[in-house]
Protein backbone atom coordinates (compact mmCIF):
# COMPACT_ATOMS: atom_id res chain seq x y z
CA MET A 1 165.91 49.88 -12.31
CA LEU A 2 167.75 48.44 -9.30
CA THR A 3 165.97 50.89 -7.03
CA ALA A 4 162.63 49.79 -8.46
CA ILE A 5 163.45 46.12 -7.96
CA THR A 6 165.03 46.35 -4.51
CA ARG A 7 163.09 49.36 -3.25
CA GLN A 8 166.41 50.62 -1.92
CA PRO A 9 168.26 53.69 -3.20
CA ILE A 10 171.51 52.99 -5.05
CA ALA A 11 174.37 55.33 -4.22
CA GLU A 12 175.82 57.25 -7.18
CA ALA A 13 179.30 56.20 -6.01
CA SER A 14 178.27 52.55 -6.45
CA LEU A 15 177.06 53.23 -9.98
CA LEU A 16 180.31 55.00 -10.82
CA ALA A 17 182.39 52.14 -9.39
CA TRP A 18 180.41 49.58 -11.42
CA GLU A 19 180.84 51.66 -14.58
CA GLN A 20 184.60 51.98 -14.03
CA ALA A 21 184.95 48.25 -13.38
CA ALA A 22 183.04 47.44 -16.58
CA ALA A 23 185.21 49.86 -18.59
CA ALA A 24 188.40 48.29 -17.22
CA ALA A 25 187.12 44.80 -18.06
CA ALA A 26 186.28 45.87 -21.63
CA GLU A 27 189.71 47.41 -22.26
CA SER A 28 191.40 44.12 -23.20
CA ALA A 29 188.58 43.33 -25.63
CA LEU A 30 188.95 46.77 -27.21
CA GLY A 31 192.68 46.13 -27.58
CA ALA A 32 191.94 42.90 -29.43
CA VAL A 33 189.48 44.71 -31.74
CA ARG A 34 192.07 47.43 -32.50
CA GLU A 35 194.72 44.79 -33.22
CA ALA A 36 192.43 42.89 -35.60
CA LEU A 37 191.39 46.05 -37.45
CA GLN A 38 194.97 47.29 -37.76
CA HIS A 39 195.90 44.08 -39.59
CA ALA A 40 192.94 44.22 -41.97
CA THR A 41 193.62 44.42 -45.69
CA VAL A 42 190.72 46.86 -46.15
CA LEU A 43 189.29 49.15 -43.49
CA HIS A 44 186.23 51.42 -43.60
CA ALA A 45 186.35 54.80 -41.81
CA ASP A 46 183.54 57.26 -41.27
CA GLU A 47 182.10 59.72 -38.77
CA THR A 48 178.70 61.18 -38.02
CA GLY A 49 177.51 63.90 -35.70
CA GLY A 50 175.47 63.42 -32.56
CA ARG A 51 174.72 65.35 -29.41
CA ILE A 52 175.88 64.67 -25.88
CA GLY A 53 173.66 67.00 -23.89
CA THR A 54 173.62 70.15 -25.98
CA ALA A 55 177.15 69.80 -27.40
CA LEU A 56 177.79 68.40 -30.87
CA HIS A 57 180.21 65.45 -30.85
CA TRP A 58 181.33 63.01 -33.52
CA ILE A 59 181.01 59.24 -33.60
CA HIS A 60 184.11 57.94 -35.36
CA VAL A 61 183.83 54.45 -36.85
CA HIS A 62 186.51 52.09 -38.14
CA SER A 63 185.27 48.72 -39.35
CA LYS A 64 185.59 45.68 -41.52
CA PRO A 65 182.99 42.95 -42.02
CA TRP A 66 181.89 41.58 -38.65
CA LEU A 67 184.09 43.90 -36.57
CA THR A 68 183.55 47.56 -35.65
CA LEU A 69 185.30 50.04 -33.37
CA LEU A 70 183.58 53.31 -32.60
CA GLY A 71 184.10 56.17 -30.22
CA TRP A 72 182.72 59.62 -29.39
CA HIS A 73 184.92 62.69 -29.63
CA ALA A 74 184.30 66.43 -29.57
CA LYS A 75 186.41 66.88 -32.73
CA ARG A 76 185.64 65.68 -36.24
CA ARG A 77 188.92 65.83 -38.07
CA GLU A 78 192.21 64.05 -37.47
CA VAL A 79 192.09 64.68 -33.71
CA GLY A 80 188.82 62.84 -33.28
CA SER A 81 189.76 59.98 -35.56
CA ALA A 82 193.18 59.64 -33.93
CA ALA A 83 191.51 59.20 -30.53
CA LEU A 84 190.47 55.69 -31.64
CA GLY A 85 194.15 54.81 -31.97
CA MET A 86 193.78 53.08 -35.32
CA LEU A 87 194.96 54.88 -38.42
CA ASP A 88 198.53 55.61 -37.36
CA HIS A 89 199.13 51.86 -37.31
CA PHE A 90 197.00 50.81 -40.29
CA HIS A 91 198.75 50.10 -43.60
CA GLY A 92 196.02 48.59 -45.78
CA ALA A 93 193.47 50.20 -48.08
CA LEU A 94 191.24 52.75 -46.35
CA VAL A 95 187.69 53.12 -47.71
CA HIS A 96 186.08 56.45 -46.82
CA ASP A 97 183.74 59.15 -48.05
CA ARG A 98 186.53 61.40 -49.36
CA TRP A 99 186.30 63.76 -46.38
CA GLU A 100 189.47 65.84 -46.68
CA SER A 101 191.03 64.77 -43.38
CA TYR A 102 191.29 61.15 -44.55
CA TRP A 103 193.70 62.22 -47.31
CA ARG A 104 196.20 63.21 -44.59
CA CYS A 105 196.04 59.76 -43.01
CA PRO A 106 199.49 58.14 -42.71
CA CYS A 107 198.10 54.82 -43.97
């Protein structure tokens, strides 16, 4: 889009630098979301499959009303869910679809 507007090519290194800067800026917000979800009385957890290129990955979701944390991971079970950094520190009621890996959750 920038190339179309400016009629100048945008270097891939510039795009990568902008993406990394945006990710770093979002990290504190993600920390605040994790903190709020970890202190929830009730938390919803789920996952669904999706493709990145040709590889199947899993979108893991932890949420409560008005607040959601999600992330992609190549694994479905505990490994993928643990990558969000939530359930090891959550001690409330976990609402889920009875997928067997949730029964091994430390919460």
